[in-house]
Structure formats: structure tokens, C-alpha cells
PDB file of N, CA and C in Angstrom:
ATOM      1  N   MET A   1      29.505  -1.788   7.241  1.00  0.00           N
ATOM      2  CA  MET A   1      28.509  -2.057   6.229  1.00  0.00           C
ATOM      3  C   MET A   1      27.444  -2.977   6.827  1.00  0.00           C
ATOM      4  N   ASN A   2      26.150  -2.690   6.517  1.00  0.00           N
ATOM      5  CA  ASN A   2      25.070  -3.541   7.010  1.00  0.00           C
ATOM      6  C   ASN A   2      24.329  -4.169   5.835  1.00  0.00           C
ATOM      7  N   GLU A   3      23.242  -4.894   6.121  1.00  0.00           N
ATOM      8  CA  GLU A   3      22.504  -5.623   5.081  1.00  0.00           C
ATOM      9  C   GLU A   3      21.801  -4.707   4.089  1.00  0.00           C
ATOM     10  N   ASN A   4      21.672  -3.412   4.403  1.00  0.00           N
ATOM     11  CA  ASN A   4      21.026  -2.457   3.504  1.00  0.00           C
ATOM     12  C   ASN A   4      22.033  -1.633   2.713  1.00  0.00           C
ATOM     13  N   GLU A   5      23.280  -2.101   2.659  1.00  0.00           N
ATOM     14  CA  GLU A   5      24.332  -1.413   1.933  1.00  0.00           C
ATOM     15  C   GLU A   5      25.047  -2.396   1.018  1.00  0.00           C
ATOM     16  N   ILE A   6      25.678  -1.844  -0.016  1.00  0.00           N
ATOM     17  CA  ILE A   6      26.439  -2.657  -0.951  1.00  0.00           C
ATOM     18  C   ILE A   6      27.756  -1.940  -1.248  1.00  0.00           C
ATOM     19  N   ASN A   7      28.811  -2.709  -1.401  1.00  0.00           N
ATOM     20  CA  ASN A   7      30.132  -2.174  -1.692  1.00  0.00           C
ATOM     21  C   ASN A   7      30.427  -2.399  -3.165  1.00  0.00           C
ATOM     22  N   VAL A   8      30.698  -1.302  -3.893  1.00  0.00           N
ATOM     23  CA  VAL A   8      31.048  -1.384  -5.305  1.00  0.00           C
ATOM     24  C   VAL A   8      32.368  -0.654  -5.501  1.00  0.00           C
ATOM     25  N   ASN A   9      33.392  -1.411  -5.849  1.00  0.00           N
ATOM     26  CA  ASN A   9      34.729  -0.842  -6.075  1.00  0.00           C
ATOM     27  C   ASN A   9      35.190   0.041  -4.924  1.00  0.00           C
ATOM     28  N   GLY A  10      34.947  -0.428  -3.701  1.00  0.00           N
ATOM     29  CA  GLY A  10      35.405   0.287  -2.519  1.00  0.00           C
ATOM     30  C   GLY A  10      34.484   1.387  -2.030  1.00  0.00           C
ATOM     31  N   LYS A  11      33.405   1.680  -2.749  1.00  0.00           N
ATOM     32  CA  LYS A  11      32.435   2.690  -2.309  1.00  0.00           C
ATOM     33  C   LYS A  11      31.203   1.984  -1.765  1.00  0.00           C
ATOM     34  N   VAL A  12      30.696   2.463  -0.630  1.00  0.00           N
ATOM     35  CA  VAL A  12      29.518   1.869   0.000  1.00  0.00           C
ATOM     36  C   VAL A  12      28.292   2.683  -0.383  1.00  0.00           C
ATOM     37  N   TYR A  13      27.258   1.981  -0.888  1.00  0.00           N
ATOM     38  CA  TYR A  13      26.004   2.611  -1.299  1.00  0.00           C
ATOM     39  C   TYR A  13      24.866   2.031  -0.477  1.00  0.00           C
ATOM     40  N   ALA A  14      23.897   2.888  -0.140  1.00  0.00           N
ATOM     41  CA  ALA A  14      22.698   2.429   0.563  1.00  0.00           C
ATOM     42  C   ALA A  14      21.721   1.897  -0.474  1.00  0.00           C
ATOM     43  N   LEU A  15      21.089   0.761  -0.167  1.00  0.00           N
ATOM     44  CA  LEU A  15      20.082   0.193  -1.046  1.00  0.00           C
ATOM     45  C   LEU A  15      18.790   0.968  -0.889  1.00  0.00           C
ATOM     46  N   LYS A  16      18.116   1.204  -2.003  1.00  0.00           N
ATOM     47  CA  LYS A  16      16.869   1.952  -1.992  1.00  0.00           C
ATOM     48  C   LYS A  16      15.738   1.061  -1.508  1.00  0.00           C
ATOM     49  N   ASN A  17      14.920   1.579  -0.589  1.00  0.00           N
ATOM     50  CA  ASN A  17      13.704   0.893  -0.167  1.00  0.00           C
ATOM     51  C   ASN A  17      12.605   1.364  -1.094  1.00  0.00           C
ATOM     52  N   ASP A  18      12.003   0.445  -1.856  1.00  0.00           N
ATOM     53  CA  ASP A  18      11.023   0.817  -2.874  1.00  0.00           C
ATOM     54  C   ASP A  18       9.669   1.197  -2.288  1.00  0.00           C
ATOM     55  N   ALA A  19       9.426   0.900  -1.024  1.00  0.00           N
ATOM     56  CA  ALA A  19       8.136   1.234  -0.412  1.00  0.00           C
ATOM     57  C   ALA A  19       8.154   2.693   0.037  1.00  0.00           C
ATOM     58  N   GLU A  20       7.146   3.426  -0.335  1.00  0.00           N
ATOM     59  CA  GLU A  20       7.043   4.833   0.012  1.00  0.00           C
ATOM     60  C   GLU A  20       6.744   4.980   1.507  1.00  0.00           C
ATOM     61  N   LYS A  21       7.367   5.989   2.132  1.00  0.00           N
ATOM     62  CA  LYS A  21       7.149   6.240   3.544  1.00  0.00           C
ATOM     63  C   LYS A  21       6.663   7.676   3.737  1.00  0.00           C
ATOM     64  N   LYS A  22       5.857   7.872   4.765  1.00  0.00           N
ATOM     65  CA  LYS A  22       5.371   9.206   5.139  1.00  0.00           C
ATOM     66  C   LYS A  22       5.602   9.321   6.628  1.00  0.00           C
ATOM     67  N   ASP A  23       6.491  10.219   7.008  1.00  0.00           N
ATOM     68  CA  ASP A  23       6.842  10.366   8.418  1.00  0.00           C
ATOM     69  C   ASP A  23       7.181   9.015   9.040  1.00  0.00           C
ATOM     70  N   GLY A  24       7.910   8.188   8.294  1.00  0.00           N
ATOM     71  CA  GLY A  24       8.325   6.880   8.788  1.00  0.00           C
ATOM     72  C   GLY A  24       7.283   5.788   8.626  1.00  0.00           C
ATOM     73  N   MET A  25       6.088   6.132   8.101  1.00  0.00           N
ATOM     74  CA  MET A  25       5.025   5.133   7.927  1.00  0.00           C
ATOM     75  C   MET A  25       5.067   4.587   6.501  1.00  0.00           C
ATOM     76  N   GLU A  26       4.944   3.286   6.385  1.00  0.00           N
ATOM     77  CA  GLU A  26       4.981   2.635   5.084  1.00  0.00           C
ATOM     78  C   GLU A  26       3.595   2.619   4.442  1.00  0.00           C
ATOM     79  N   TYR A  27       3.552   2.799   3.114  1.00  0.00           N
ATOM     80  CA  TYR A  27       2.311   2.682   2.359  1.00  0.00           C
ATOM     81  C   TYR A  27       2.070   1.199   2.115  1.00  0.00           C
ATOM     82  N   VAL A  28       0.895   0.724   2.494  1.00  0.00           N
ATOM     83  CA  VAL A  28       0.603  -0.711   2.451  1.00  0.00           C
ATOM     84  C   VAL A  28      -0.803  -0.969   1.919  1.00  0.00           C
ATOM     85  N   ILE A  29      -1.041  -2.220   1.572  1.00  0.00           N
ATOM     86  CA  ILE A  29      -2.388  -2.710   1.315  1.00  0.00           C
ATOM     87  C   ILE A  29      -2.720  -3.648   2.465  1.00  0.00           C
ATOM     88  N   ILE A  30      -3.879  -3.452   3.082  1.00  0.00           N
ATOM     89  CA  ILE A  30      -4.308  -4.281   4.208  1.00  0.00           C
ATOM     90  C   ILE A  30      -5.612  -4.971   3.847  1.00  0.00           C
ATOM     91  N   ARG A  31      -5.620  -6.288   4.004  1.00  0.00           N
ATOM     92  CA  ARG A  31      -6.848  -7.064   3.803  1.00  0.00           C
ATOM     93  C   ARG A  31      -7.363  -7.451   5.178  1.00  0.00           C
ATOM     94  N   THR A  32      -8.657  -7.253   5.385  1.00  0.00           N
ATOM     95  CA  THR A  32      -9.271  -7.610   6.662  1.00  0.00           C
ATOM     96  C   THR A  32     -10.177  -8.817   6.468  1.00  0.00           C
ATOM     97  N   CYS A  33     -10.604  -9.367   7.565  1.00  0.00           N
ATOM     98  CA  CYS A  33     -11.462 -10.550   7.521  1.00  0.00           C
ATOM     99  C   CYS A  33     -12.821 -10.240   6.912  1.00  0.00           C
ATOM    100  N   SER A  34     -13.424  -9.103   7.282  1.00  0.00           N
ATOM    101  CA  SER A  34     -14.774  -8.833   6.782  1.00  0.00           C
ATOM    102  C   SER A  34     -15.021  -7.392   6.338  1.00  0.00           C
ATOM    103  N   ALA A  35     -14.081  -6.467   6.582  1.00  0.00           N
ATOM    104  CA  ALA A  35     -14.302  -5.064   6.214  1.00  0.00           C
ATOM    105  C   ALA A  35     -13.775  -4.735   4.829  1.00  0.00           C
ATOM    106  N   GLY A  36     -13.043  -5.641   4.214  1.00  0.00           N
ATOM    107  CA  GLY A  36     -12.542  -5.405   2.871  1.00  0.00           C
ATOM    108  C   GLY A  36     -11.052  -5.136   2.844  1.00  0.00           C
ATOM    109  N   VAL A  37     -10.640  -4.435   1.781  1.00  0.00           N
ATOM    110  CA  VAL A  37      -9.224  -4.172   1.515  1.00  0.00           C
ATOM    111  C   VAL A  37      -9.004  -2.664   1.497  1.00  0.00           C
ATOM    112  N   PHE A  38      -7.889  -2.222   2.078  1.00  0.00           N
ATOM    113  CA  PHE A  38      -7.567  -0.805   2.181  1.00  0.00           C
ATOM    114  C   PHE A  38      -6.124  -0.568   1.770  1.00  0.00           C
ATOM    115  N   ALA A  39      -5.857   0.608   1.228  1.00  0.00           N
ATOM    116  CA  ALA A  39      -4.493   1.045   0.945  1.00  0.00           C
ATOM    117  C   ALA A  39      -4.270   2.351   1.681  1.00  0.00           C
ATOM    118  N   GLY A  40      -3.106   2.503   2.276  1.00  0.00           N
ATOM    119  CA  GLY A  40      -2.780   3.736   2.983  1.00  0.00           C
ATOM    120  C   GLY A  40      -1.516   3.562   3.797  1.00  0.00           C
ATOM    121  N   TYR A  41      -1.240   4.547   4.626  1.00  0.00           N
ATOM    122  CA  TYR A  41      -0.045   4.539   5.466  1.00  0.00           C
ATOM    123  C   TYR A  41      -0.343   3.838   6.785  1.00  0.00           C
ATOM    124  N   LEU A  42       0.416   2.811   7.083  1.00  0.00           N
ATOM    125  CA  LEU A  42       0.220   2.052   8.318  1.00  0.00           C
ATOM    126  C   LEU A  42       0.815   2.837   9.482  1.00  0.00           C
ATOM    127  N   LYS A  43      -0.065   3.398  10.299  1.00  0.00           N
ATOM    128  CA  LYS A  43       0.373   4.185  11.460  1.00  0.00           C
ATOM    129  C   LYS A  43       0.728   3.273  12.627  1.00  0.00           C
ATOM    130  N   GLU A  44      -0.134   2.271  12.846  1.00  0.00           N
ATOM    131  CA  GLU A  44       0.071   1.411  14.015  1.00  0.00           C
ATOM    132  C   GLU A  44      -0.630   0.075  13.803  1.00  0.00           C
ATOM    133  N   ARG A  45      -0.026  -0.942  14.375  1.00  0.00           N
ATOM    134  CA  ARG A  45      -0.662  -2.257  14.374  1.00  0.00           C
ATOM    135  C   ARG A  45      -0.535  -2.837  15.776  1.00  0.00           C
ATOM    136  N   LYS A  46      -1.674  -3.256  16.317  1.00  0.00           N
ATOM    137  CA  LYS A  46      -1.715  -3.906  17.630  1.00  0.00           C
ATOM    138  C   LYS A  46      -2.487  -5.195  17.444  1.00  0.00           C
ATOM    139  N   GLY A  47      -1.792  -6.315  17.422  1.00  0.00           N
ATOM    140  CA  GLY A  47      -2.456  -7.582  17.177  1.00  0.00           C
ATOM    141  C   GLY A  47      -3.118  -7.562  15.817  1.00  0.00           C
ATOM    142  N   LYS A  48      -4.428  -7.759  15.789  1.00  0.00           N
ATOM    143  CA  LYS A  48      -5.166  -7.755  14.525  1.00  0.00           C
ATOM    144  C   LYS A  48      -5.774  -6.392  14.185  1.00  0.00           C
ATOM    145  N   GLU A  49      -5.503  -5.372  15.021  1.00  0.00           N
ATOM    146  CA  GLU A  49      -6.046  -4.038  14.789  1.00  0.00           C
ATOM    147  C   GLU A  49      -4.989  -3.166  14.117  1.00  0.00           C
ATOM    148  N   SER A  50      -5.380  -2.506  13.022  1.00  0.00           N
ATOM    149  CA  SER A  50      -4.460  -1.644  12.286  1.00  0.00           C
ATOM    150  C   SER A  50      -5.060  -0.255  12.119  1.00  0.00           C
ATOM    151  N   THR A  51      -4.225   0.762  12.310  1.00  0.00           N
ATOM    152  CA  THR A  51      -4.620   2.144  12.071  1.00  0.00           C
ATOM    153  C   THR A  51      -3.970   2.584  10.775  1.00  0.00           C
ATOM    154  N   ILE A  52      -4.799   3.051   9.831  1.00  0.00           N
ATOM    155  CA  ILE A  52      -4.324   3.432   8.507  1.00  0.00           C
ATOM    156  C   ILE A  52      -4.661   4.893   8.267  1.00  0.00           C
ATOM    157  N   LEU A  53      -3.673   5.662   7.799  1.00  0.00           N
ATOM    158  CA  LEU A  53      -3.884   7.068   7.459  1.00  0.00           C
ATOM    159  C   LEU A  53      -4.001   7.220   5.946  1.00  0.00           C
ATOM    160  N   ASP A  54      -4.725   8.247   5.507  1.00  0.00           N
ATOM    161  CA  ASP A  54      -4.952   8.507   4.075  1.00  0.00           C
ATOM    162  C   ASP A  54      -5.393   7.214   3.393  1.00  0.00           C
ATOM    163  N   ALA A  55      -6.392   6.578   3.963  1.00  0.00           N
ATOM    164  CA  ALA A  55      -6.818   5.239   3.543  1.00  0.00           C
ATOM    165  C   ALA A  55      -7.861   5.283   2.442  1.00  0.00           C
ATOM    166  N   ARG A  56      -7.660   4.419   1.458  1.00  0.00           N
ATOM    167  CA  ARG A  56      -8.663   4.209   0.408  1.00  0.00           C
ATOM    168  C   ARG A  56      -9.118   2.767   0.471  1.00  0.00           C
ATOM    169  N   ARG A  57     -10.417   2.573   0.407  1.00  0.00           N
ATOM    170  CA  ARG A  57     -10.967   1.219   0.333  1.00  0.00           C
ATOM    171  C   ARG A  57     -10.812   0.763  -1.120  1.00  0.00           C
ATOM    172  N   LEU A  58     -10.236  -0.391  -1.322  1.00  0.00           N
ATOM    173  CA  LEU A  58     -10.076  -0.947  -2.666  1.00  0.00           C
ATOM    174  C   LEU A  58     -11.266  -1.863  -2.902  1.00  0.00           C
ATOM    175  N   TRP A  59     -12.371  -1.256  -3.271  1.00  0.00           N
ATOM    176  CA  TRP A  59     -13.632  -1.980  -3.363  1.00  0.00           C
ATOM    177  C   TRP A  59     -13.631  -2.977  -4.508  1.00  0.00           C
ATOM    178  N   GLN A  60     -13.114  -2.559  -5.662  1.00  0.00           N
ATOM    179  CA  GLN A  60     -13.010  -3.455  -6.816  1.00  0.00           C
ATOM    180  C   GLN A  60     -11.826  -2.996  -7.649  1.00  0.00           C
ATOM    181  N   TRP A  61     -11.007  -3.946  -8.099  1.00  0.00           N
ATOM    182  CA  TRP A  61      -9.881  -3.562  -8.941  1.00  0.00           C
ATOM    183  C   TRP A  61      -9.831  -4.431 -10.184  1.00  0.00           C
ATOM    184  N   LYS A  62      -9.277  -3.846 -11.235  1.00  0.00           N
ATOM    185  CA  LYS A  62      -8.995  -4.537 -12.479  1.00  0.00           C
ATOM    186  C   LYS A  62      -7.576  -4.178 -12.874  1.00  0.00           C
ATOM    187  N   GLY A  63      -6.999  -4.964 -13.752  1.00  0.00           N
ATOM    188  CA  GLY A  63      -5.653  -4.663 -14.204  1.00  0.00           C
ATOM    189  C   GLY A  63      -4.578  -5.206 -13.290  1.00  0.00           C
ATOM    190  N   ALA A  64      -4.955  -6.088 -12.375  1.00  0.00           N
ATOM    191  CA  ALA A  64      -4.015  -6.817 -11.508  1.00  0.00           C
ATOM    192  C   ALA A  64      -4.701  -8.117 -11.127  1.00  0.00           C
ATOM    193  N   ALA A  65      -3.973  -9.217 -11.233  1.00  0.00           N
ATOM    194  CA  ALA A  65      -4.566 -10.533 -10.987  1.00  0.00           C
ATOM    195  C   ALA A  65      -4.841 -10.786  -9.510  1.00  0.00           C
ATOM    196  N   SER A  66      -4.100 -10.101  -8.634  1.00  0.00           N
ATOM    197  CA  SER A  66      -4.230 -10.345  -7.197  1.00  0.00           C
ATOM    198  C   SER A  66      -3.787  -9.106  -6.438  1.00  0.00           C
ATOM    199  N   LEU A  67      -4.001  -9.124  -5.136  1.00  0.00           N
ATOM    200  CA  LEU A  67      -3.500  -8.025  -4.312  1.00  0.00           C
ATOM    201  C   LEU A  67      -1.980  -7.965  -4.354  1.00  0.00           C
ATOM    202  N   SER A  68      -1.338  -9.115  -4.467  1.00  0.00           N
ATOM    203  CA  SER A  68       0.127  -9.146  -4.556  1.00  0.00           C
ATOM    204  C   SER A  68       0.606  -8.383  -5.784  1.00  0.00           C
ATOM    205  N   GLN A  69      -0.021  -8.632  -6.932  1.00  0.00           N
ATOM    206  CA  GLN A  69       0.364  -7.918  -8.145  1.00  0.00           C
ATOM    207  C   GLN A  69       0.020  -6.438  -8.022  1.00  0.00           C
ATOM    208  N   LEU A  70      -1.120  -6.117  -7.444  1.00  0.00           N
ATOM    209  CA  LEU A  70      -1.506  -4.721  -7.238  1.00  0.00           C
ATOM    210  C   LEU A  70      -0.479  -4.001  -6.370  1.00  0.00           C
ATOM    211  N   ALA A  71       0.035  -4.667  -5.340  1.00  0.00           N
ATOM    212  CA  ALA A  71       1.026  -4.074  -4.438  1.00  0.00           C
ATOM    213  C   ALA A  71       2.376  -3.879  -5.111  1.00  0.00           C
ATOM    214  N   GLU A  72       2.707  -4.721  -6.066  1.00  0.00           N
ATOM    215  CA  GLU A  72       3.998  -4.638  -6.755  1.00  0.00           C
ATOM    216  C   GLU A  72       3.955  -3.732  -7.974  1.00  0.00           C
ATOM    217  N   GLU A  73       2.906  -3.864  -8.791  1.00  0.00           N
ATOM    218  CA  GLU A  73       2.866  -3.198 -10.090  1.00  0.00           C
ATOM    219  C   GLU A  73       1.792  -2.132 -10.222  1.00  0.00           C
ATOM    220  N   GLY A  74       0.816  -2.137  -9.337  1.00  0.00           N
ATOM    221  CA  GLY A  74      -0.313  -1.237  -9.484  1.00  0.00           C
ATOM    222  C   GLY A  74      -1.305  -1.820 -10.478  1.00  0.00           C
ATOM    223  N   THR A  75      -2.231  -1.006 -10.931  1.00  0.00           N
ATOM    224  CA  THR A  75      -3.249  -1.467 -11.865  1.00  0.00           C
ATOM    225  C   THR A  75      -2.916  -1.016 -13.282  1.00  0.00           C
ATOM    226  N   SER A  76      -3.160  -1.893 -14.244  1.00  0.00           N
ATOM    227  CA  SER A  76      -2.995  -1.508 -15.652  1.00  0.00           C
ATOM    228  C   SER A  76      -4.318  -1.021 -16.233  1.00  0.00           C
ATOM    229  N   ASP A  77      -5.381  -1.028 -15.424  1.00  0.00           N
ATOM    230  CA  ASP A  77      -6.712  -0.606 -15.874  1.00  0.00           C
ATOM    231  C   ASP A  77      -7.360   0.283 -14.810  1.00  0.00           C
ATOM    232  N   PRO A  78      -6.841   1.501 -14.607  1.00  0.00           N
ATOM    233  CA  PRO A  78      -7.386   2.354 -13.550  1.00  0.00           C
ATOM    234  C   PRO A  78      -8.865   2.700 -13.741  1.00  0.00           C
ATOM    235  N   ASP A  79      -9.328   2.769 -15.000  1.00  0.00           N
ATOM    236  CA  ASP A  79     -10.733   3.094 -15.239  1.00  0.00           C
ATOM    237  C   ASP A  79     -11.666   1.959 -14.830  1.00  0.00           C
ATOM    238  N   GLY A  80     -11.137   0.748 -14.706  1.00  0.00           N
ATOM    239  CA  GLY A  80     -11.949  -0.391 -14.294  1.00  0.00           C
ATOM    240  C   GLY A  80     -11.996  -0.587 -12.782  1.00  0.00           C
ATOM    241  N   CYS A  81     -11.286   0.274 -12.036  1.00  0.00           N
ATOM    242  CA  CYS A  81     -11.227   0.151 -10.575  1.00  0.00           C
ATOM    243  C   CYS A  81     -12.306   0.991  -9.910  1.00  0.00           C
ATOM    244  N   LYS A  82     -12.752   0.543  -8.754  1.00  0.00           N
ATOM    245  CA  LYS A  82     -13.704   1.290  -7.936  1.00  0.00           C
ATOM    246  C   LYS A  82     -13.066   1.525  -6.567  1.00  0.00           C
ATOM    247  N   PHE A  83     -12.395   2.666  -6.449  1.00  0.00           N
ATOM    248  CA  PHE A  83     -11.755   3.079  -5.204  1.00  0.00           C
ATOM    249  C   PHE A  83     -12.420   4.383  -4.758  1.00  0.00           C
ATOM    250  N   PRO A  84     -13.219   4.373  -3.683  1.00  0.00           N
ATOM    251  CA  PRO A  84     -13.813   5.612  -3.179  1.00  0.00           C
ATOM    252  C   PRO A  84     -12.731   6.574  -2.681  1.00  0.00           C
ATOM    253  N   GLN A  85     -13.174   7.776  -2.330  1.00  0.00           N
ATOM    254  CA  GLN A  85     -12.219   8.768  -1.829  1.00  0.00           C
ATOM    255  C   GLN A  85     -11.556   8.277  -0.555  1.00  0.00           C
ATOM    256  N   GLU A  86     -10.367   8.796  -0.287  1.00  0.00           N
ATOM    257  CA  GLU A  86      -9.644   8.395   0.920  1.00  0.00           C
ATOM    258  C   GLU A  86     -10.242   9.076   2.147  1.00  0.00           C
ATOM    259  N   VAL A  87     -10.020   8.470   3.285  1.00  0.00           N
ATOM    260  CA  VAL A  87     -10.388   9.064   4.570  1.00  0.00           C
ATOM    261  C   VAL A  87      -9.100   9.338   5.329  1.00  0.00           C
ATOM    262  N   LYS A  88      -9.156  10.327   6.198  1.00  0.00           N
ATOM    263  CA  LYS A  88      -7.958  10.740   6.937  1.00  0.00           C
ATOM    264  C   LYS A  88      -7.396   9.597   7.790  1.00  0.00           C
ATOM    265  N   GLN A  89      -8.273   8.854   8.450  1.00  0.00           N
ATOM    266  CA  GLN A  89      -7.828   7.755   9.313  1.00  0.00           C
ATOM    267  C   GLN A  89      -8.940   6.726   9.450  1.00  0.00           C
ATOM    268  N   ILE A  90      -8.534   5.480   9.503  1.00  0.00           N
ATOM    269  CA  ILE A  90      -9.477   4.397   9.788  1.00  0.00           C
ATOM    270  C   ILE A  90      -8.761   3.375  10.659  1.00  0.00           C
ATOM    271  N   ILE A  91      -9.513   2.819  11.588  1.00  0.00           N
ATOM    272  CA  ILE A  91      -9.003   1.716  12.402  1.00  0.00           C
ATOM    273  C   ILE A  91      -9.776   0.482  11.984  1.00  0.00           C
ATOM    274  N   VAL A  92      -9.049  -0.521  11.508  1.00  0.00           N
ATOM    275  CA  VAL A  92      -9.696  -1.760  11.077  1.00  0.00           C
ATOM    276  C   VAL A  92      -9.305  -2.881  12.039  1.00  0.00           C
ATOM    277  N   THR A  93     -10.248  -3.751  12.294  1.00  0.00           N
ATOM    278  CA  THR A  93      -9.976  -4.912  13.129  1.00  0.00           C
ATOM    279  C   THR A  93      -9.926  -6.142  12.235  1.00  0.00           C
ATOM    280  N   GLU A  94      -9.402  -7.200  12.740  1.00  0.00           N
ATOM    281  CA  GLU A  94      -9.295  -8.456  11.998  1.00  0.00           C
ATOM    282  C   GLU A  94      -8.419  -8.330  10.753  1.00  0.00           C
ATOM    283  N   THR A  95      -7.279  -7.639  10.907  1.00  0.00           N
ATOM    284  CA  THR A  95      -6.289  -7.569   9.836  1.00  0.00           C
ATOM    285  C   THR A  95      -5.742  -8.969   9.601  1.00  0.00           C
ATOM    286  N   ILE A  96      -5.814  -9.434   8.356  1.00  0.00           N
ATOM    287  CA  ILE A  96      -5.303 -10.781   8.072  1.00  0.00           C
ATOM    288  C   ILE A  96      -4.148 -10.780   7.077  1.00  0.00           C
ATOM    289  N   GLU A  97      -3.882  -9.631   6.439  1.00  0.00           N
ATOM    290  CA  GLU A  97      -2.777  -9.565   5.486  1.00  0.00           C
ATOM    291  C   GLU A  97      -2.334  -8.119   5.341  1.00  0.00           C
ATOM    292  N   ILE A  98      -1.015  -7.897   5.351  1.00  0.00           N
ATOM    293  CA  ILE A  98      -0.441  -6.573   5.120  1.00  0.00           C
ATOM    294  C   ILE A  98       0.637  -6.728   4.054  1.00  0.00           C
ATOM    295  N   LEU A  99       0.458  -6.002   2.949  1.00  0.00           N
ATOM    296  CA  LEU A  99       1.405  -6.061   1.839  1.00  0.00           C
ATOM    297  C   LEU A  99       2.124  -4.724   1.696  1.00  0.00           C
ATOM    298  N   SER A 100       3.443  -4.750   1.606  1.00  0.00           N
ATOM    299  CA  SER A 100       4.199  -3.540   1.292  1.00  0.00           C
ATOM    300  C   SER A 100       3.904  -3.157  -0.151  1.00  0.00           C
ATOM    301  N   VAL A 101       3.830  -1.861  -0.415  1.00  0.00           N
ATOM    302  CA  VAL A 101       3.476  -1.361  -1.736  1.00  0.00           C
ATOM    303  C   VAL A 101       4.670  -0.602  -2.320  1.00  0.00           C
ATOM    304  N   THR A 102       5.000  -0.886  -3.573  1.00  0.00           N
ATOM    305  CA  THR A 102       6.086  -0.165  -4.235  1.00  0.00           C
ATOM    306  C   THR A 102       5.650   1.252  -4.575  1.00  0.00           C
ATOM    307  N   GLU A 103       6.604   2.099  -4.859  1.00  0.00           N
ATOM    308  CA  GLU A 103       6.304   3.481  -5.242  1.00  0.00           C
ATOM    309  C   GLU A 103       5.442   3.508  -6.504  1.00  0.00           C
ATOM    310  N   LYS A 104       5.774   2.677  -7.475  1.00  0.00           N
ATOM    311  CA  LYS A 104       4.998   2.609  -8.722  1.00  0.00           C
ATOM    312  C   LYS A 104       3.540   2.238  -8.431  1.00  0.00           C
ATOM    313  N   ALA A 105       3.337   1.222  -7.598  1.00  0.00           N
ATOM    314  CA  ALA A 105       1.982   0.774  -7.271  1.00  0.00           C
ATOM    315  C   ALA A 105       1.237   1.824  -6.456  1.00  0.00           C
ATOM    316  N   LYS A 106       1.922   2.463  -5.522  1.00  0.00           N
ATOM    317  CA  LYS A 106       1.302   3.522  -4.709  1.00  0.00           C
ATOM    318  C   LYS A 106       0.771   4.630  -5.609  1.00  0.00           C
ATOM    319  N   ASN A 107       1.592   5.084  -6.547  1.00  0.00           N
ATOM    320  CA  ASN A 107       1.163   6.140  -7.459  1.00  0.00           C
ATOM    321  C   ASN A 107      -0.022   5.698  -8.299  1.00  0.00           C
ATOM    322  N   SER A 108      -0.021   4.445  -8.707  1.00  0.00           N
ATOM    323  CA  SER A 108      -1.125   3.899  -9.484  1.00  0.00           C
ATOM    324  C   SER A 108      -2.420   3.921  -8.672  1.00  0.00           C
ATOM    325  N   ILE A 109      -2.357   3.485  -7.434  1.00  0.00           N
ATOM    326  CA  ILE A 109      -3.545   3.440  -6.564  1.00  0.00           C
ATOM    327  C   ILE A 109      -4.054   4.849  -6.274  1.00  0.00           C
ATOM    328  N   ILE A 110      -3.156   5.742  -5.925  1.00  0.00           N
ATOM    329  CA  ILE A 110      -3.536   7.116  -5.592  1.00  0.00           C
ATOM    330  C   ILE A 110      -4.166   7.823  -6.788  1.00  0.00           C
ATOM    331  N   ASN A 111      -3.701   7.507  -7.988  1.00  0.00           N
ATOM    332  CA  ASN A 111      -4.172   8.200  -9.185  1.00  0.00           C
ATOM    333  C   ASN A 111      -5.424   7.604  -9.812  1.00  0.00           C
ATOM    334  N   VAL A 112      -5.966   6.529  -9.237  1.00  0.00           N
ATOM    335  CA  VAL A 112      -7.252   6.034  -9.707  1.00  0.00           C
ATOM    336  C   VAL A 112      -8.316   7.057  -9.330  1.00  0.00           C
ATOM    337  N   GLY A 113      -9.167   7.405 -10.278  1.00  0.00           N
ATOM    338  CA  GLY A 113     -10.215   8.380 -10.010  1.00  0.00           C
ATOM    339  C   GLY A 113     -11.138   7.938  -8.887  1.00  0.00           C
ATOM    340  N   ILE A 114     -11.703   8.893  -8.181  1.00  0.00           N
ATOM    341  CA  ILE A 114     -12.596   8.595  -7.058  1.00  0.00           C
ATOM    342  C   ILE A 114     -13.909   8.043  -7.589  1.00  0.00           C
ATOM    343  N   TRP A 115     -14.272   6.881  -7.114  1.00  0.00           N
ATOM    344  CA  TRP A 115     -15.522   6.220  -7.514  1.00  0.00           C
ATOM    345  C   TRP A 115     -16.656   6.766  -6.656  1.00  0.00           C
ATOM    346  N   LYS A 116     -17.705   7.241  -7.315  1.00  0.00           N
ATOM    347  CA  LYS A 116     -18.886   7.751  -6.618  1.00  0.00           C
ATOM    348  C   LYS A 116     -20.131   7.202  -7.302  1.00  0.00           C
ATOM    349  N   VAL A 117     -21.208   7.125  -6.544  1.00  0.00           N
ATOM    350  CA  VAL A 117     -22.498   6.737  -7.136  1.00  0.00           C
ATOM    351  C   VAL A 117     -23.471   7.876  -6.993  1.00  0.00           C
TER     352      VAL A 117
END
């Protein structure tokens, strides 16, 4: 038995990881020093440089007090959010924060309508 398992009445169960994965990549929110905030699958991180797949810029959000709450619970006000369409891949420099995103929050972020002007 390891730290990701639990024993209940002699049966060993694997603990569920709430963060969604795609081909082993975790869905995350990344805050950068000057390029803004992004949500997507973290493909690679080298120092302060991060490669994100299926990335959406989180330009403005409502319905969450902070990025931490957004990563845990998602938004309670999707119509108040301004998230442009996702891009296949982006490389951002000056990554200063990476937050794991729960399945509930991931679905909330993905389902926010595409903001266009």
C-alpha cells in the first residue's frame, strides 16, 4: 500500500486524483508575471517557461474571489467572465504560479462562452 491508497476492511482502494489529466498532463491555471493568466494542460515546465496545450487566457473572471477559488470551484458567474477562445499551444515565460484545477473547475472554465469583440 502507498500514500495514494487506503485500506477499508481489508480491501485496498486507490484514492481519486481530482485534477483532470490528458495524456498524463494536468489541467492547471498558470499566472505569469506580465502575460496574464491561462488555463490549460501543462505539457512542460522549464524554469519559469511553461508550455500549455488547449490554453485559454483568463482575461477577466467573476464568480470566484481569487484564482485559488477558481481552481477549486470554478466560476459561479460564467456570463460575467471574459475568456477568449483557446489556442492549441502557447509558451509563456515568467511563470510565477501554477494551480492544480479540479474536474469541477475545469468543466466550469471550459464551458464559459468564448468572449469576442
